[in-house]
Protein backbone atom coordinates (compact mmCIF):
# COMPACT_ATOMS: atom_id res chain seq x y z
CA MET A 1 0.00 0.00 0.00
CA PRO A 2 1.62 3.28 -1.06
CA ASN A 3 2.01 6.13 1.41
CA ARG A 4 -0.74 8.66 0.62
CA ASN A 5 1.20 11.60 2.07
CA TYR A 6 4.18 10.81 -0.15
CA ILE A 7 1.94 10.55 -3.22
CA LYS A 8 0.19 13.84 -2.42
CA GLY A 9 3.51 15.62 -1.84
CA ARG A 10 4.99 14.20 -5.03
CA GLN A 11 1.98 15.41 -7.03
CA HIS A 12 2.42 18.92 -5.64
CA GLU A 13 6.12 18.86 -6.50
CA TYR A 14 5.35 17.87 -10.09
CA ARG A 15 2.76 20.68 -10.28
CA CYS A 16 5.44 23.05 -9.02
CA LEU A 17 7.85 21.89 -11.75
CA ASN A 18 5.21 22.37 -14.45
CA ILE A 19 4.48 25.90 -13.23
CA LEU A 20 8.18 26.76 -13.15
CA LYS A 21 8.69 25.48 -16.69
CA ARG A 22 5.72 27.53 -17.92
CA GLN A 23 7.27 30.58 -16.25
CA GLY A 24 10.41 30.10 -18.35
CA ALA A 25 12.75 28.05 -16.20
CA LEU A 26 15.72 26.78 -18.18
CA TRP A 27 16.08 23.88 -15.78
CA ALA A 28 13.74 22.66 -13.01
CA LYS A 29 14.27 19.65 -10.79
CA ARG A 30 12.81 18.02 -7.69
CA SER A 31 14.63 16.34 -4.86
CA TYR A 32 13.51 12.71 -4.87
CA GLY A 33 12.69 11.08 -1.55
CA SER A 34 13.23 14.22 0.56
CA LYS A 35 16.98 13.92 0.14
CA GLY A 36 17.61 17.65 0.04
CA ILE A 37 16.81 20.77 1.99
CA PHE A 38 14.42 21.99 -0.71
CA ASP A 39 11.79 20.03 -2.60
CA CYS A 40 12.28 21.79 -5.95
CA TRP A 41 14.70 24.20 -7.52
CA ALA A 42 14.80 26.02 -10.83
CA VAL A 43 17.29 27.99 -12.88
CA PHE A 44 16.02 31.02 -14.77
CA PRO A 45 18.14 33.29 -16.99
CA ASP A 46 18.36 35.90 -14.22
CA LYS A 47 17.86 33.93 -10.96
CA VAL A 48 17.84 30.63 -9.12
CA VAL A 49 14.76 29.69 -7.10
CA LEU A 50 14.86 27.22 -4.17
CA ILE A 51 11.39 26.00 -3.17
CA GLN A 52 9.90 24.17 -0.22
CA VAL A 53 6.50 22.73 -1.25
CA LYS A 54 3.72 22.22 1.30
CA SER A 55 0.21 20.86 0.97
CA ASN A 56 -1.34 22.87 3.74
CA TYR A 57 0.85 23.54 6.75
CA CYS A 58 4.40 24.56 7.61
CA SER A 59 5.49 24.27 11.23
CA LYS A 60 6.78 27.39 12.99
CA ALA A 61 10.17 25.76 13.49
CA GLU A 62 10.54 24.86 9.82
CA TYR A 63 9.35 28.31 8.73
CA ALA A 64 11.85 29.96 11.09
CA TRP A 65 14.66 27.74 9.77
CA LEU A 66 13.80 28.55 6.14
CA SER A 67 13.63 32.28 6.94
CA GLU A 68 17.04 32.18 8.64
CA PHE A 69 18.50 30.25 5.72
CA ALA A 70 17.11 32.83 3.27
CA LYS A 71 18.61 35.70 5.30
CA LYS A 72 22.06 34.11 5.13
CA ILE A 73 22.03 34.12 1.33
CA LYS A 74 23.85 37.27 0.27
CA THR A 75 23.50 36.78 -3.49
CA PRO A 76 20.53 38.80 -4.78
CA ASN A 77 19.70 36.41 -7.60
CA ILE A 78 19.05 33.36 -5.37
CA LYS A 79 15.46 33.30 -4.10
CA VAL A 80 14.00 31.08 -1.38
CA GLN A 81 10.25 30.44 -1.60
CA LEU A 82 7.58 28.50 0.25
CA TRP A 83 4.74 27.23 -1.96
CA TYR A 84 1.38 26.16 -0.48
CA PHE A 85 -0.91 23.97 -2.58
CA ARG A 86 -4.04 24.22 -0.45
CA ARG A 87 -6.71 23.34 -3.02
CA PRO A 88 -6.60 21.36 -6.25
CA ARG A 89 -6.69 23.26 -9.55
CA ILE A 90 -6.02 26.57 -7.80
CA PRO A 91 -2.61 28.25 -8.20
CA PRO A 92 -0.34 27.91 -5.18
CA GLU A 93 0.15 30.59 -2.58
CA ILE A 94 3.80 31.64 -2.86
CA LYS A 95 5.70 33.27 -0.03
CA SER A 96 9.11 34.70 -0.85
CA LEU A 97 11.40 34.42 2.18
CA ASN A 98 14.17 36.78 1.03
C-alpha cells in the first residue's frame, strides 16, 4: 500500500515543476525522496529559485529555519520560496522568504 502523504507531496512537487517550466525556467528539478533541503529548484536566466512545497501547513520551526537560511544568502539572484498547494486546480500561494 503506497504512502498517501508521499503521493500527495509528489503530485504537488510535479505541479510546481510544471508551473516553473511555464514561467520560463531553463532547468527545473525536484529532490527525490526528501533527500535535500528543498523540494524543488529552478534555474532562470536571471535567478535561481529554491522552493519548499507544502500541501497545507508549515510548522513554525521549519518556517523559522527557512527564513534564517534565506537571510544568510547574500547573493541577490538566489530566491527562497515556500509554496502552499491548499486546493486542487487553484494556483499555489507563494511566499518569498528573502
